[in-house]
Amino acid sequence: MSFLYYPESDMLYTQLAEGEAAESEELSPGVVFDYADDQTLLGVEIESASEMIGLSRVLISSLPIVDLVLTPRSDSAA
């Protein structure tokens, strides 16, 4: 699972599985689900993310995480 934030477009993408999206469905304004051919949910896109959710804090609780990778913000995100 990956959380990818694109500050230039203020979009947050939560990638749940690997694969190429065959279909996308906007479930509510600014929230798009991407599906594979077999209807596996691949990811969730949130447009205008900073207006919809708090981006300054992430709480991870009780997940069986084996590999946690944190990358620094780029200068354009500051």
C-alpha atoms as a PDB file:
ATOM      1  CA  MET A   1       0.000   0.000   0.000  1.00  0.00           C
ATOM      2  CA  SER A   2       1.275   3.450  -0.876  1.00  0.00           C
ATOM      3  CA  PHE A   3       0.097   6.962  -0.127  1.00  0.00           C
ATOM      4  CA  LEU A   4       1.233   9.329  -2.876  1.00  0.00           C
ATOM      5  CA  TYR A   5       0.599  13.064  -2.598  1.00  0.00           C
ATOM      6  CA  TYR A   6       0.967  15.376  -5.582  1.00  0.00           C
ATOM      7  CA  PRO A   7       1.150  18.965  -4.257  1.00  0.00           C
ATOM      8  CA  GLU A   8       1.010  20.583  -7.701  1.00  0.00           C
ATOM      9  CA  SER A   9      -2.507  19.183  -8.201  1.00  0.00           C
ATOM     10  CA  ASP A  10      -3.388  18.689  -4.497  1.00  0.00           C
ATOM     11  CA  MET A  11      -4.228  15.046  -5.186  1.00  0.00           C
ATOM     12  CA  LEU A  12      -3.737  12.114  -2.812  1.00  0.00           C
ATOM     13  CA  TYR A  13      -3.609   8.636  -4.304  1.00  0.00           C
ATOM     14  CA  THR A  14      -3.827   5.558  -2.110  1.00  0.00           C
ATOM     15  CA  GLN A  15      -2.492   2.606  -4.078  1.00  0.00           C
ATOM     16  CA  LEU A  16      -3.905  -0.603  -2.640  1.00  0.00           C
ATOM     17  CA  ALA A  17      -2.658  -3.126  -5.206  1.00  0.00           C
ATOM     18  CA  GLU A  18      -0.385  -3.297  -8.239  1.00  0.00           C
ATOM     19  CA  GLY A  19      -1.973  -3.287 -11.669  1.00  0.00           C
ATOM     20  CA  GLU A  20      -3.350  -1.166 -14.448  1.00  0.00           C
ATOM     21  CA  ALA A  21      -6.704   0.513 -13.988  1.00  0.00           C
ATOM     22  CA  ALA A  22      -9.291  -0.725 -16.471  1.00  0.00           C
ATOM     23  CA  GLU A  23     -12.145   1.261 -14.982  1.00  0.00           C
ATOM     24  CA  SER A  24     -12.556   4.295 -12.738  1.00  0.00           C
ATOM     25  CA  GLU A  25     -15.660   5.311 -10.844  1.00  0.00           C
ATOM     26  CA  GLU A  26     -16.274   8.640  -9.124  1.00  0.00           C
ATOM     27  CA  LEU A  27     -18.116   7.593  -5.956  1.00  0.00           C
ATOM     28  CA  SER A  28     -18.527  11.115  -4.635  1.00  0.00           C
ATOM     29  CA  PRO A  29     -17.328  14.499  -5.904  1.00  0.00           C
ATOM     30  CA  GLY A  30     -13.526  14.360  -6.064  1.00  0.00           C
ATOM     31  CA  VAL A  31     -13.209  10.740  -4.900  1.00  0.00           C
ATOM     32  CA  VAL A  32     -12.367   8.230  -7.639  1.00  0.00           C
ATOM     33  CA  PHE A  33     -11.913   4.462  -7.242  1.00  0.00           C
ATOM     34  CA  ASP A  34      -9.713   2.633  -9.782  1.00  0.00           C
ATOM     35  CA  TYR A  35     -10.460  -1.016 -10.612  1.00  0.00           C
ATOM     36  CA  ALA A  36      -8.588  -3.736 -12.509  1.00  0.00           C
ATOM     37  CA  ASP A  37     -10.259  -5.872 -15.201  1.00  0.00           C
ATOM     38  CA  ASP A  38     -11.294  -8.404 -12.548  1.00  0.00           C
ATOM     39  CA  GLN A  39     -12.880  -5.605 -10.433  1.00  0.00           C
ATOM     40  CA  THR A  40     -10.053  -5.669  -7.863  1.00  0.00           C
ATOM     41  CA  LEU A  41      -9.844  -2.256  -6.196  1.00  0.00           C
ATOM     42  CA  LEU A  42      -6.431  -0.864  -7.116  1.00  0.00           C
ATOM     43  CA  GLY A  43      -6.546   2.594  -5.621  1.00  0.00           C
ATOM     44  CA  VAL A  44      -8.431   5.628  -4.420  1.00  0.00           C
ATOM     45  CA  GLU A  45      -7.805   9.142  -5.746  1.00  0.00           C
ATOM     46  CA  ILE A  46      -8.829  12.156  -3.678  1.00  0.00           C
ATOM     47  CA  GLU A  47      -8.834  15.453  -5.546  1.00  0.00           C
ATOM     48  CA  SER A  48      -8.439  18.721  -3.599  1.00  0.00           C
ATOM     49  CA  ALA A  49      -7.090  16.516  -0.830  1.00  0.00           C
ATOM     50  CA  SER A  50      -5.926  19.302   1.488  1.00  0.00           C
ATOM     51  CA  GLU A  51      -9.477  20.673   1.521  1.00  0.00           C
ATOM     52  CA  MET A  52     -11.067  17.271   2.204  1.00  0.00           C
ATOM     53  CA  ILE A  53      -8.718  15.640   4.731  1.00  0.00           C
ATOM     54  CA  GLY A  54      -5.922  16.508   7.141  1.00  0.00           C
ATOM     55  CA  LEU A  55      -2.619  15.775   5.426  1.00  0.00           C
ATOM     56  CA  SER A  56      -0.242  16.819   8.190  1.00  0.00           C
ATOM     57  CA  ARG A  57      -0.585  13.667  10.312  1.00  0.00           C
ATOM     58  CA  VAL A  58      -0.830   9.939   9.557  1.00  0.00           C
ATOM     59  CA  LEU A  59      -1.676   7.477  12.326  1.00  0.00           C
ATOM     60  CA  ILE A  60      -0.747   3.846  11.768  1.00  0.00           C
ATOM     61  CA  SER A  61      -2.153   1.484  14.351  1.00  0.00           C
ATOM     62  CA  SER A  62      -2.066  -2.300  14.699  1.00  0.00           C
ATOM     63  CA  LEU A  63      -1.001  -3.032  11.120  1.00  0.00           C
ATOM     64  CA  PRO A  64       1.371  -5.958  10.520  1.00  0.00           C
ATOM     65  CA  ILE A  65       3.891  -3.723   8.737  1.00  0.00           C
ATOM     66  CA  VAL A  66       7.063  -5.448   7.591  1.00  0.00           C
ATOM     67  CA  ASP A  67       8.575  -2.632   5.542  1.00  0.00           C
ATOM     68  CA  LEU A  68       7.818   1.035   6.299  1.00  0.00           C
ATOM     69  CA  VAL A  69       9.367   3.460   3.821  1.00  0.00           C
ATOM     70  CA  LEU A  70       9.245   7.204   4.447  1.00  0.00           C
ATOM     71  CA  THR A  71      10.515   9.636   1.862  1.00  0.00           C
ATOM     72  CA  PRO A  72      11.197  13.317   2.515  1.00  0.00           C
ATOM     73  CA  ARG A  73       9.030  15.997   1.013  1.00  0.00           C
ATOM     74  CA  SER A  74      10.392  17.640  -2.068  1.00  0.00           C
ATOM     75  CA  ASP A  75      11.118  21.385  -1.983  1.00  0.00           C
ATOM     76  CA  SER A  76       7.963  22.040  -4.037  1.00  0.00           C
ATOM     77  CA  ALA A  77       5.798  20.552  -1.256  1.00  0.00           C
ATOM     78  CA  ALA A  78       7.176  22.817   1.466  1.00  0.00           C
END
